[in-house]
Amino acid sequence: MRTIPASELILNDDGSVFHLHLRPEALADTVILVGDPARSDMIAERCFDHIEHSATNREFHCHTGTLNGKRMTVVSTGIGCDNIDIVMNELDALANVDFATRTVKPEHRSLRILRLGTSGAVRPDIELGSLVMSAVSGGIDGLLNFYAGSDAVCDRRIEAAFTEQTQWGNRLARPYFVHNDPELIALFRDIAIPGLTLSAPGFYAPQGRVIRLPLAQTEYLERIERFEFEGMRVTNFEMESSAIAGLSALMGHRTLTICAIIAQRVAGESRPDYADSVRQMVRIAMERLSR
């Protein structure tokens, strides 16, 4: 059995994992991921009946507590798939690695992971303030391509259609598409629009935004808006869903991303004051996860 070197899985002096500062016993089976550290703190303070553990380090604010007797952990990830790479690997290590022996545990522990975020819609019929869930998460960030085994979890049919229809540039990262957990999708189907979420490696050009610098590909956003595969179209852009879905599929966890729409890319509109939409999303999600 392979022993994981200290340079590969870094542990702090108190036995916690390097970035999240959590110890294995502090991790619940249900995990809520949010980008904003203040949102993680808000959920713990306003939603948990009891907080049993808190840890903060950089943008990673982690709280484990209970709601209606259901134990949950909320973690802030910061922005981007690079941060998700840290969070997902450390969550999986907390669940499935024996820190004392630095070996993988013989019995696999599967986490239920829900990301609650914000996003921009790329379909004209999705209104500001709507909730959208990622039935399929598509990545143009390239992260999953660094991991072996992606063929087993990625839908290469969508990838081929997307690459062809968008005339995807050969200098851009190879797209990948992963289906999210059907049970979590069913849990929120009545309050969130299901669709295909694209996760980008940046907020501006990778999502088709132009301020001063032009895009490398002409008609970039328009081709993404027109993409269609077996009745499925891209619903929204954000920056984390693909890495969560892809790594979870490889690691054997169950995931879903739900986002409040705060920008309408087709109409050119935005809602920078989106606190009400986020609070509603959090309230519904926490109530249903704690059943």
C-alpha atoms as a PDB file:
ATOM      1  CA  MET A   1       0.000   0.000   0.000  1.00  0.00           C
ATOM      2  CA  ARG A   2       1.391   3.401  -1.030  1.00  0.00           C
ATOM      3  CA  THR A   3       2.416   5.782   1.737  1.00  0.00           C
ATOM      4  CA  ILE A   4       1.639   9.383   0.713  1.00  0.00           C
ATOM      5  CA  PRO A   5       4.757  11.543   1.218  1.00  0.00           C
ATOM      6  CA  ALA A   6       4.627  14.580   3.489  1.00  0.00           C
ATOM      7  CA  SER A   7       5.407  16.762   0.473  1.00  0.00           C
ATOM      8  CA  GLU A   8       2.263  15.522  -1.337  1.00  0.00           C
ATOM      9  CA  LEU A   9      -0.216  15.701   1.543  1.00  0.00           C
ATOM     10  CA  ILE A  10       0.924  18.495   3.836  1.00  0.00           C
ATOM     11  CA  LEU A  11      -0.427  18.417   7.386  1.00  0.00           C
ATOM     12  CA  ASN A  12      -0.208  21.157   9.998  1.00  0.00           C
ATOM     13  CA  ASP A  13       1.259  20.597  13.476  1.00  0.00           C
ATOM     14  CA  ASP A  14      -2.240  20.157  14.949  1.00  0.00           C
ATOM     15  CA  GLY A  15      -3.045  17.319  12.540  1.00  0.00           C
ATOM     16  CA  SER A  16      -5.211  19.454  10.241  1.00  0.00           C
ATOM     17  CA  VAL A  17      -4.928  19.498   6.457  1.00  0.00           C
ATOM     18  CA  PHE A  18      -2.694  22.266   5.101  1.00  0.00           C
ATOM     19  CA  HIS A  19      -5.047  24.829   3.527  1.00  0.00           C
ATOM     20  CA  LEU A  20      -8.449  24.125   5.084  1.00  0.00           C
ATOM     21  CA  HIS A  21      -7.107  23.681   8.643  1.00  0.00           C
ATOM     22  CA  LEU A  22      -9.700  20.942   9.231  1.00  0.00           C
ATOM     23  CA  ARG A  23      -9.074  17.652  10.986  1.00  0.00           C
ATOM     24  CA  PRO A  24     -10.834  14.492   9.756  1.00  0.00           C
ATOM     25  CA  GLU A  25     -13.276  14.339  12.673  1.00  0.00           C
ATOM     26  CA  ALA A  26     -14.527  17.861  11.854  1.00  0.00           C
ATOM     27  CA  LEU A  27     -15.789  16.950   8.371  1.00  0.00           C
ATOM     28  CA  ALA A  28     -19.491  16.126   7.893  1.00  0.00           C
ATOM     29  CA  ASP A  29     -20.855  13.921   5.106  1.00  0.00           C
ATOM     30  CA  THR A  30     -22.790  16.876   3.643  1.00  0.00           C
ATOM     31  CA  VAL A  31     -20.636  19.786   2.460  1.00  0.00           C
ATOM     32  CA  ILE A  32     -21.793  23.198   1.215  1.00  0.00           C
ATOM     33  CA  LEU A  33     -19.275  25.115  -0.891  1.00  0.00           C
ATOM     34  CA  VAL A  34     -19.485  28.890  -1.336  1.00  0.00           C
ATOM     35  CA  GLY A  35     -17.006  31.291  -2.876  1.00  0.00           C
ATOM     36  CA  ASP A  36     -17.190  34.181  -0.416  1.00  0.00           C
ATOM     37  CA  PRO A  37     -15.717  33.657   3.078  1.00  0.00           C
ATOM     38  CA  ALA A  38     -18.349  36.044   4.470  1.00  0.00           C
ATOM     39  CA  ARG A  39     -21.072  33.807   3.005  1.00  0.00           C
ATOM     40  CA  SER A  40     -19.612  30.776   4.776  1.00  0.00           C
ATOM     41  CA  ASP A  41     -19.646  32.693   8.067  1.00  0.00           C
ATOM     42  CA  MET A  42     -23.206  33.914   7.415  1.00  0.00           C
ATOM     43  CA  ILE A  43     -24.509  30.400   6.769  1.00  0.00           C
ATOM     44  CA  ALA A  44     -22.916  29.059   9.939  1.00  0.00           C
ATOM     45  CA  GLU A  45     -24.163  31.927  12.098  1.00  0.00           C
ATOM     46  CA  ARG A  46     -27.704  32.194  10.689  1.00  0.00           C
ATOM     47  CA  CYS A  47     -28.513  28.627   9.670  1.00  0.00           C
ATOM     48  CA  PHE A  48     -26.813  26.219  12.061  1.00  0.00           C
ATOM     49  CA  ASP A  49     -28.561  25.405  15.315  1.00  0.00           C
ATOM     50  CA  HIS A  50     -25.163  24.584  16.778  1.00  0.00           C
ATOM     51  CA  ILE A  51     -21.601  25.213  15.545  1.00  0.00           C
ATOM     52  CA  GLU A  52     -19.184  22.525  16.701  1.00  0.00           C
ATOM     53  CA  HIS A  53     -16.020  23.548  14.841  1.00  0.00           C
ATOM     54  CA  SER A  54     -14.658  26.568  12.942  1.00  0.00           C
ATOM     55  CA  ALA A  55     -11.352  27.137  11.162  1.00  0.00           C
ATOM     56  CA  THR A  56     -10.161  30.039   9.014  1.00  0.00           C
ATOM     57  CA  ASN A  57      -7.085  30.322   6.804  1.00  0.00           C
ATOM     58  CA  ARG A  58      -6.782  32.819   3.954  1.00  0.00           C
ATOM     59  CA  GLU A  59      -9.982  32.597   1.868  1.00  0.00           C
ATOM     60  CA  PHE A  60     -10.904  29.219   3.360  1.00  0.00           C
ATOM     61  CA  HIS A  61     -13.469  29.671   6.145  1.00  0.00           C
ATOM     62  CA  CYS A  62     -14.783  26.291   7.351  1.00  0.00           C
ATOM     63  CA  HIS A  63     -17.594  25.614   9.802  1.00  0.00           C
ATOM     64  CA  THR A  64     -19.170  22.342  10.878  1.00  0.00           C
ATOM     65  CA  GLY A  65     -22.478  22.347  12.710  1.00  0.00           C
ATOM     66  CA  THR A  66     -25.975  20.953  12.789  1.00  0.00           C
ATOM     67  CA  LEU A  67     -29.338  22.031  11.409  1.00  0.00           C
ATOM     68  CA  ASN A  68     -32.450  20.079  12.399  1.00  0.00           C
ATOM     69  CA  GLY A  69     -30.140  17.387  13.721  1.00  0.00           C
ATOM     70  CA  LYS A  70     -28.319  17.074  10.385  1.00  0.00           C
ATOM     71  CA  ARG A  71     -24.555  17.550  10.529  1.00  0.00           C
ATOM     72  CA  MET A  72     -23.073  19.714   7.742  1.00  0.00           C
ATOM     73  CA  THR A  73     -19.817  21.449   6.860  1.00  0.00           C
ATOM     74  CA  VAL A  74     -19.704  24.759   4.988  1.00  0.00           C
ATOM     75  CA  VAL A  75     -16.468  25.776   3.243  1.00  0.00           C
ATOM     76  CA  SER A  76     -15.566  28.951   1.367  1.00  0.00           C
ATOM     77  CA  THR A  77     -13.388  28.255  -1.653  1.00  0.00           C
ATOM     78  CA  GLY A  78     -12.508  31.669  -3.020  1.00  0.00           C
ATOM     79  CA  ILE A  79     -12.742  32.107  -6.793  1.00  0.00           C
ATOM     80  CA  GLY A  80     -11.664  29.744  -9.561  1.00  0.00           C
ATOM     81  CA  CYS A  81     -11.010  26.122 -10.432  1.00  0.00           C
ATOM     82  CA  ASP A  82      -7.452  26.384  -9.114  1.00  0.00           C
ATOM     83  CA  ASN A  83      -8.867  26.925  -5.628  1.00  0.00           C
ATOM     84  CA  ILE A  84     -11.348  24.094  -6.169  1.00  0.00           C
ATOM     85  CA  ASP A  85      -8.395  21.800  -6.900  1.00  0.00           C
ATOM     86  CA  ILE A  86      -7.130  22.572  -3.384  1.00  0.00           C
ATOM     87  CA  VAL A  87     -10.508  22.266  -1.677  1.00  0.00           C
ATOM     88  CA  MET A  88     -11.635  19.045  -3.355  1.00  0.00           C
ATOM     89  CA  ASN A  89      -8.347  17.231  -2.824  1.00  0.00           C
ATOM     90  CA  GLU A  90      -8.210  18.230   0.830  1.00  0.00           C
ATOM     91  CA  LEU A  91     -11.866  17.332   1.452  1.00  0.00           C
ATOM     92  CA  ASP A  92     -11.270  13.934  -0.123  1.00  0.00           C
ATOM     93  CA  ALA A  93      -8.126  13.419   1.929  1.00  0.00           C
ATOM     94  CA  LEU A  94     -10.041  14.254   5.110  1.00  0.00           C
ATOM     95  CA  ALA A  95     -12.643  11.650   4.161  1.00  0.00           C
ATOM     96  CA  ASN A  96     -10.518   8.891   2.687  1.00  0.00           C
ATOM     97  CA  VAL A  97      -6.933   9.080   3.952  1.00  0.00           C
ATOM     98  CA  ASP A  98      -5.672   7.862   7.328  1.00  0.00           C
ATOM     99  CA  PHE A  99      -3.555  10.814   8.451  1.00  0.00           C
ATOM    100  CA  ALA A 100      -1.652   8.698  10.992  1.00  0.00           C
ATOM    101  CA  THR A 101      -0.378   6.149   8.444  1.00  0.00           C
ATOM    102  CA  ARG A 102      -0.650   8.384   5.344  1.00  0.00           C
ATOM    103  CA  THR A 103      -2.429   5.594   3.485  1.00  0.00           C
ATOM    104  CA  VAL A 104      -5.809   5.439   1.734  1.00  0.00           C
ATOM    105  CA  LYS A 105      -8.505   3.970   3.957  1.00  0.00           C
ATOM    106  CA  PRO A 106      -9.837   0.555   2.846  1.00  0.00           C
ATOM    107  CA  GLU A 107     -13.473   1.727   2.925  1.00  0.00           C
ATOM    108  CA  HIS A 108     -14.428   4.657   0.708  1.00  0.00           C
ATOM    109  CA  ARG A 109     -16.438   7.535   2.186  1.00  0.00           C
ATOM    110  CA  SER A 110     -18.607   9.437  -0.285  1.00  0.00           C
ATOM    111  CA  LEU A 111     -19.468  13.071   0.415  1.00  0.00           C
ATOM    112  CA  ARG A 112     -22.574  14.952  -0.733  1.00  0.00           C
ATOM    113  CA  ILE A 113     -21.338  18.321  -1.992  1.00  0.00           C
ATOM    114  CA  LEU A 114     -23.489  21.297  -3.011  1.00  0.00           C
ATOM    115  CA  ARG A 115     -21.992  24.524  -4.333  1.00  0.00           C
ATOM    116  CA  LEU A 116     -24.073  27.676  -3.897  1.00  0.00           C
ATOM    117  CA  GLY A 117     -22.799  30.505  -6.078  1.00  0.00           C
ATOM    118  CA  THR A 118     -23.549  33.351  -8.456  1.00  0.00           C
ATOM    119  CA  SER A 119     -23.432  33.328 -12.218  1.00  0.00           C
ATOM    120  CA  GLY A 120     -24.223  35.016 -15.522  1.00  0.00           C
ATOM    121  CA  ALA A 121     -26.936  33.654 -17.835  1.00  0.00           C
ATOM    122  CA  VAL A 122     -26.234  33.181 -21.541  1.00  0.00           C
ATOM    123  CA  ARG A 123     -29.814  32.341 -22.526  1.00  0.00           C
ATOM    124  CA  PRO A 124     -32.248  35.227 -23.103  1.00  0.00           C
ATOM    125  CA  ASP A 125     -35.120  33.455 -21.325  1.00  0.00           C
ATOM    126  CA  ILE A 126     -33.283  33.213 -17.966  1.00  0.00           C
ATOM    127  CA  GLU A 127     -34.130  36.272 -15.882  1.00  0.00           C
ATOM    128  CA  LEU A 128     -32.009  38.071 -13.312  1.00  0.00           C
ATOM    129  CA  GLY A 129     -32.587  36.565  -9.879  1.00  0.00           C
ATOM    130  CA  SER A 130     -33.372  33.090 -11.251  1.00  0.00           C
ATOM    131  CA  LEU A 131     -31.748  29.980  -9.805  1.00  0.00           C
ATOM    132  CA  VAL A 132     -29.910  27.702 -12.240  1.00  0.00           C
ATOM    133  CA  MET A 133     -28.528  24.257 -11.449  1.00  0.00           C
ATOM    134  CA  SER A 134     -25.816  22.440 -13.340  1.00  0.00           C
ATOM    135  CA  ALA A 135     -27.235  19.180 -14.630  1.00  0.00           C
ATOM    136  CA  VAL A 136     -24.027  19.075 -16.666  1.00  0.00           C
ATOM    137  CA  SER A 137     -20.877  20.995 -15.779  1.00  0.00           C
ATOM    138  CA  GLY A 138     -18.609  21.929 -18.658  1.00  0.00           C
ATOM    139  CA  GLY A 139     -15.028  23.015 -18.102  1.00  0.00           C
ATOM    140  CA  ILE A 140     -13.006  25.265 -20.378  1.00  0.00           C
ATOM    141  CA  ASP A 141     -10.488  25.672 -17.538  1.00  0.00           C
ATOM    142  CA  GLY A 142      -8.378  22.601 -18.376  1.00  0.00           C
ATOM    143  CA  LEU A 143      -8.033  21.370 -14.774  1.00  0.00           C
ATOM    144  CA  LEU A 144      -9.442  17.867 -15.170  1.00  0.00           C
ATOM    145  CA  ASN A 145      -7.122  17.176 -18.110  1.00  0.00           C
ATOM    146  CA  PHE A 146      -4.235  16.909 -15.631  1.00  0.00           C
ATOM    147  CA  TYR A 147      -5.844  13.867 -13.942  1.00  0.00           C
ATOM    148  CA  ALA A 148      -5.870  10.281 -15.194  1.00  0.00           C
ATOM    149  CA  GLY A 149      -9.207   8.561 -15.683  1.00  0.00           C
ATOM    150  CA  SER A 150     -11.171  11.480 -17.122  1.00  0.00           C
ATOM    151  CA  ASP A 151     -12.475   9.326 -19.996  1.00  0.00           C
ATOM    152  CA  ALA A 152     -14.505   7.354 -17.461  1.00  0.00           C
ATOM    153  CA  VAL A 153     -16.330  10.397 -16.074  1.00  0.00           C
ATOM    154  CA  CYS A 154     -16.516  12.844 -19.002  1.00  0.00           C
ATOM    155  CA  ASP A 155     -19.168  12.881 -21.732  1.00  0.00           C
ATOM    156  CA  ARG A 156     -17.014  12.948 -24.847  1.00  0.00           C
ATOM    157  CA  ARG A 157     -20.082  13.243 -27.104  1.00  0.00           C
ATOM    158  CA  ILE A 158     -20.861  16.690 -25.705  1.00  0.00           C
ATOM    159  CA  GLU A 159     -17.188  17.605 -25.946  1.00  0.00           C
ATOM    160  CA  ALA A 160     -17.033  16.687 -29.640  1.00  0.00           C
ATOM    161  CA  ALA A 161     -20.225  18.598 -30.441  1.00  0.00           C
ATOM    162  CA  PHE A 162     -19.128  21.643 -28.449  1.00  0.00           C
ATOM    163  CA  THR A 163     -15.669  21.741 -30.023  1.00  0.00           C
ATOM    164  CA  GLU A 164     -17.133  21.519 -33.513  1.00  0.00           C
ATOM    165  CA  GLN A 165     -20.036  23.945 -33.111  1.00  0.00           C
ATOM    166  CA  THR A 166     -18.013  26.649 -31.354  1.00  0.00           C
ATOM    167  CA  GLN A 167     -14.981  26.189 -33.641  1.00  0.00           C
ATOM    168  CA  TRP A 168     -12.931  25.858 -30.468  1.00  0.00           C
ATOM    169  CA  GLY A 169      -9.416  27.255 -30.839  1.00  0.00           C
ATOM    170  CA  ASN A 170      -6.516  24.809 -30.713  1.00  0.00           C
ATOM    171  CA  ARG A 171      -4.612  27.109 -28.351  1.00  0.00           C
ATOM    172  CA  LEU A 172      -7.400  26.956 -25.751  1.00  0.00           C
ATOM    173  CA  ALA A 173      -7.746  24.276 -23.059  1.00  0.00           C
ATOM    174  CA  ARG A 174      -9.583  21.140 -24.157  1.00  0.00           C
ATOM    175  CA  PRO A 175     -13.190  21.319 -22.901  1.00  0.00           C
ATOM    176  CA  TYR A 176     -14.676  18.567 -20.726  1.00  0.00           C
ATOM    177  CA  PHE A 177     -18.244  17.833 -19.597  1.00  0.00           C
ATOM    178  CA  VAL A 178     -19.405  15.935 -16.503  1.00  0.00           C
ATOM    179  CA  HIS A 179     -22.937  14.984 -15.411  1.00  0.00           C
ATOM    180  CA  ASN A 180     -23.881  15.887 -11.838  1.00  0.00           C
ATOM    181  CA  ASP A 181     -25.680  13.744  -9.252  1.00  0.00           C
ATOM    182  CA  PRO A 182     -29.256  12.849 -10.314  1.00  0.00           C
ATOM    183  CA  GLU A 183     -30.548  12.641  -6.719  1.00  0.00           C
ATOM    184  CA  LEU A 184     -29.381  16.165  -5.933  1.00  0.00           C
ATOM    185  CA  ILE A 185     -30.807  17.392  -9.236  1.00  0.00           C
ATOM    186  CA  ALA A 186     -34.173  15.854  -8.327  1.00  0.00           C
ATOM    187  CA  LEU A 187     -34.051  17.494  -4.892  1.00  0.00           C
ATOM    188  CA  PHE A 188     -33.940  20.988  -6.417  1.00  0.00           C
ATOM    189  CA  ARG A 189     -35.673  20.505  -9.769  1.00  0.00           C
ATOM    190  CA  ASP A 190     -38.773  22.490  -8.774  1.00  0.00           C
ATOM    191  CA  ILE A 191     -36.864  25.659  -7.815  1.00  0.00           C
ATOM    192  CA  ALA A 192     -33.850  25.777 -10.185  1.00  0.00           C
ATOM    193  CA  ILE A 193     -33.540  25.698 -13.975  1.00  0.00           C
ATOM    194  CA  PRO A 194     -31.486  22.656 -15.075  1.00  0.00           C
ATOM    195  CA  GLY A 195     -28.913  23.155 -17.784  1.00  0.00           C
ATOM    196  CA  LEU A 196     -25.296  23.114 -18.881  1.00  0.00           C
ATOM    197  CA  THR A 197     -22.977  25.368 -16.902  1.00  0.00           C
ATOM    198  CA  LEU A 198     -19.628  26.427 -18.361  1.00  0.00           C
ATOM    199  CA  SER A 199     -16.783  27.075 -15.933  1.00  0.00           C
ATOM    200  CA  ALA A 200     -14.175  29.491 -17.252  1.00  0.00           C
ATOM    201  CA  PRO A 201     -10.568  30.117 -16.100  1.00  0.00           C
ATOM    202  CA  GLY A 202     -11.248  33.848 -15.777  1.00  0.00           C
ATOM    203  CA  PHE A 203     -14.000  36.436 -15.387  1.00  0.00           C
ATOM    204  CA  TYR A 204     -13.339  38.630 -18.409  1.00  0.00           C
ATOM    205  CA  ALA A 205     -12.109  37.276 -21.786  1.00  0.00           C
ATOM    206  CA  PRO A 206     -12.729  33.590 -20.907  1.00  0.00           C
ATOM    207  CA  GLN A 207     -16.395  34.530 -20.395  1.00  0.00           C
ATOM    208  CA  GLY A 208     -16.514  36.716 -23.490  1.00  0.00           C
ATOM    209  CA  ARG A 209     -16.216  40.080 -21.700  1.00  0.00           C
ATOM    210  CA  VAL A 210     -14.334  42.894 -23.443  1.00  0.00           C
ATOM    211  CA  ILE A 211     -13.141  46.036 -21.681  1.00  0.00           C
ATOM    212  CA  ARG A 212      -9.976  47.133 -23.512  1.00  0.00           C
ATOM    213  CA  LEU A 213      -8.436  43.869 -24.719  1.00  0.00           C
ATOM    214  CA  PRO A 214     -10.133  42.155 -27.702  1.00  0.00           C
ATOM    215  CA  LEU A 215     -10.954  38.444 -27.693  1.00  0.00           C
ATOM    216  CA  ALA A 216      -8.707  35.960 -29.485  1.00  0.00           C
ATOM    217  CA  GLN A 217     -11.731  34.256 -31.074  1.00  0.00           C
ATOM    218  CA  THR A 218     -14.339  36.196 -33.016  1.00  0.00           C
ATOM    219  CA  GLU A 219     -18.015  35.458 -32.243  1.00  0.00           C
ATOM    220  CA  TYR A 220     -16.839  33.604 -29.133  1.00  0.00           C
ATOM    221  CA  LEU A 221     -19.870  34.277 -26.936  1.00  0.00           C
ATOM    222  CA  GLU A 222     -22.330  34.051 -29.820  1.00  0.00           C
ATOM    223  CA  ARG A 223     -21.155  30.538 -30.730  1.00  0.00           C
ATOM    224  CA  ILE A 224     -21.461  29.421 -27.113  1.00  0.00           C
ATOM    225  CA  GLU A 225     -24.979  30.895 -26.953  1.00  0.00           C
ATOM    226  CA  ARG A 226     -25.943  28.962 -30.113  1.00  0.00           C
ATOM    227  CA  PHE A 227     -24.490  25.623 -28.965  1.00  0.00           C
ATOM    228  CA  GLU A 228     -27.032  22.791 -28.712  1.00  0.00           C
ATOM    229  CA  PHE A 229     -26.680  19.081 -27.987  1.00  0.00           C
ATOM    230  CA  GLU A 230     -29.703  16.780 -27.818  1.00  0.00           C
ATOM    231  CA  GLY A 231     -31.887  19.685 -26.675  1.00  0.00           C
ATOM    232  CA  MET A 232     -29.329  20.895 -24.116  1.00  0.00           C
ATOM    233  CA  ARG A 233     -27.930  24.420 -24.281  1.00  0.00           C
ATOM    234  CA  VAL A 234     -25.480  26.406 -22.205  1.00  0.00           C
ATOM    235  CA  THR A 235     -27.408  28.186 -19.458  1.00  0.00           C
ATOM    236  CA  ASN A 236     -24.717  30.082 -17.585  1.00  0.00           C
ATOM    237  CA  PHE A 237     -21.062  30.955 -17.052  1.00  0.00           C
ATOM    238  CA  GLU A 238     -19.214  30.729 -13.728  1.00  0.00           C
ATOM    239  CA  MET A 239     -15.775  29.628 -12.498  1.00  0.00           C
ATOM    240  CA  GLU A 240     -15.960  26.550 -10.242  1.00  0.00           C
ATOM    241  CA  SER A 241     -18.619  23.988 -11.187  1.00  0.00           C
ATOM    242  CA  SER A 242     -16.580  21.919 -13.664  1.00  0.00           C
ATOM    243  CA  ALA A 243     -13.719  21.251 -11.258  1.00  0.00           C
ATOM    244  CA  ILE A 244     -16.137  20.273  -8.476  1.00  0.00           C
ATOM    245  CA  ALA A 245     -18.067  17.920 -10.749  1.00  0.00           C
ATOM    246  CA  GLY A 246     -15.022  16.433 -12.455  1.00  0.00           C
ATOM    247  CA  LEU A 247     -12.922  15.801  -9.362  1.00  0.00           C
ATOM    248  CA  SER A 248     -15.933  14.512  -7.437  1.00  0.00           C
ATOM    249  CA  ALA A 249     -16.708  12.037 -10.207  1.00  0.00           C
ATOM    250  CA  LEU A 250     -13.118  10.772 -10.141  1.00  0.00           C
ATOM    251  CA  MET A 251     -13.111  10.611  -6.330  1.00  0.00           C
ATOM    252  CA  GLY A 252     -16.547   9.051  -5.922  1.00  0.00           C
ATOM    253  CA  HIS A 253     -18.455  11.970  -4.400  1.00  0.00           C
ATOM    254  CA  ARG A 254     -21.923  13.320  -5.295  1.00  0.00           C
ATOM    255  CA  THR A 255     -22.198  16.929  -6.414  1.00  0.00           C
ATOM    256  CA  LEU A 256     -24.382  19.712  -7.755  1.00  0.00           C
ATOM    257  CA  THR A 257     -23.936  23.447  -8.327  1.00  0.00           C
ATOM    258  CA  ILE A 258     -26.791  25.935  -7.943  1.00  0.00           C
ATOM    259  CA  CYS A 259     -26.247  29.570  -8.885  1.00  0.00           C
ATOM    260  CA  ALA A 260     -28.261  32.750  -8.507  1.00  0.00           C
ATOM    261  CA  ILE A 261     -28.225  34.660 -11.793  1.00  0.00           C
ATOM    262  CA  ILE A 262     -26.779  38.142 -11.272  1.00  0.00           C
ATOM    263  CA  ALA A 263     -25.900  38.995 -14.908  1.00  0.00           C
ATOM    264  CA  GLN A 264     -27.878  38.602 -18.151  1.00  0.00           C
ATOM    265  CA  ARG A 265     -25.216  38.370 -20.847  1.00  0.00           C
ATOM    266  CA  VAL A 266     -27.598  38.465 -23.826  1.00  0.00           C
ATOM    267  CA  ALA A 267     -29.462  41.528 -22.556  1.00  0.00           C
ATOM    268  CA  GLY A 268     -26.294  43.159 -21.223  1.00  0.00           C
ATOM    269  CA  GLU A 269     -27.808  43.642 -17.765  1.00  0.00           C
ATOM    270  CA  SER A 270     -26.537  42.929 -14.250  1.00  0.00           C
ATOM    271  CA  ARG A 271     -27.675  42.976 -10.639  1.00  0.00           C
ATOM    272  CA  PRO A 272     -24.668  43.846  -8.435  1.00  0.00           C
ATOM    273  CA  ASP A 273     -26.923  43.979  -5.353  1.00  0.00           C
ATOM    274  CA  TYR A 274     -27.894  40.313  -5.272  1.00  0.00           C
ATOM    275  CA  ALA A 275     -28.029  39.650  -1.535  1.00  0.00           C
ATOM    276  CA  ASP A 276     -31.749  38.799  -1.534  1.00  0.00           C
ATOM    277  CA  SER A 277     -31.333  36.167  -4.264  1.00  0.00           C
ATOM    278  CA  VAL A 278     -28.434  34.553  -2.441  1.00  0.00           C
ATOM    279  CA  ARG A 279     -30.281  34.501   0.897  1.00  0.00           C
ATOM    280  CA  GLN A 280     -33.282  32.829  -0.762  1.00  0.00           C
ATOM    281  CA  MET A 281     -31.018  30.233  -2.414  1.00  0.00           C
ATOM    282  CA  VAL A 282     -29.244  29.505   0.878  1.00  0.00           C
ATOM    283  CA  ARG A 283     -32.502  29.224   2.829  1.00  0.00           C
ATOM    284  CA  ILE A 284     -34.009  26.709   0.389  1.00  0.00           C
ATOM    285  CA  ALA A 285     -30.816  24.679   0.062  1.00  0.00           C
ATOM    286  CA  MET A 286     -30.208  24.392   3.792  1.00  0.00           C
ATOM    287  CA  GLU A 287     -33.816  23.428   4.485  1.00  0.00           C
ATOM    288  CA  ARG A 288     -33.744  20.644   1.906  1.00  0.00           C
ATOM    289  CA  LEU A 289     -30.311  19.321   2.797  1.00  0.00           C
ATOM    290  CA  SER A 290     -31.312  19.096   6.463  1.00  0.00           C
ATOM    291  CA  ARG A 291     -34.406  16.947   5.872  1.00  0.00           C
END
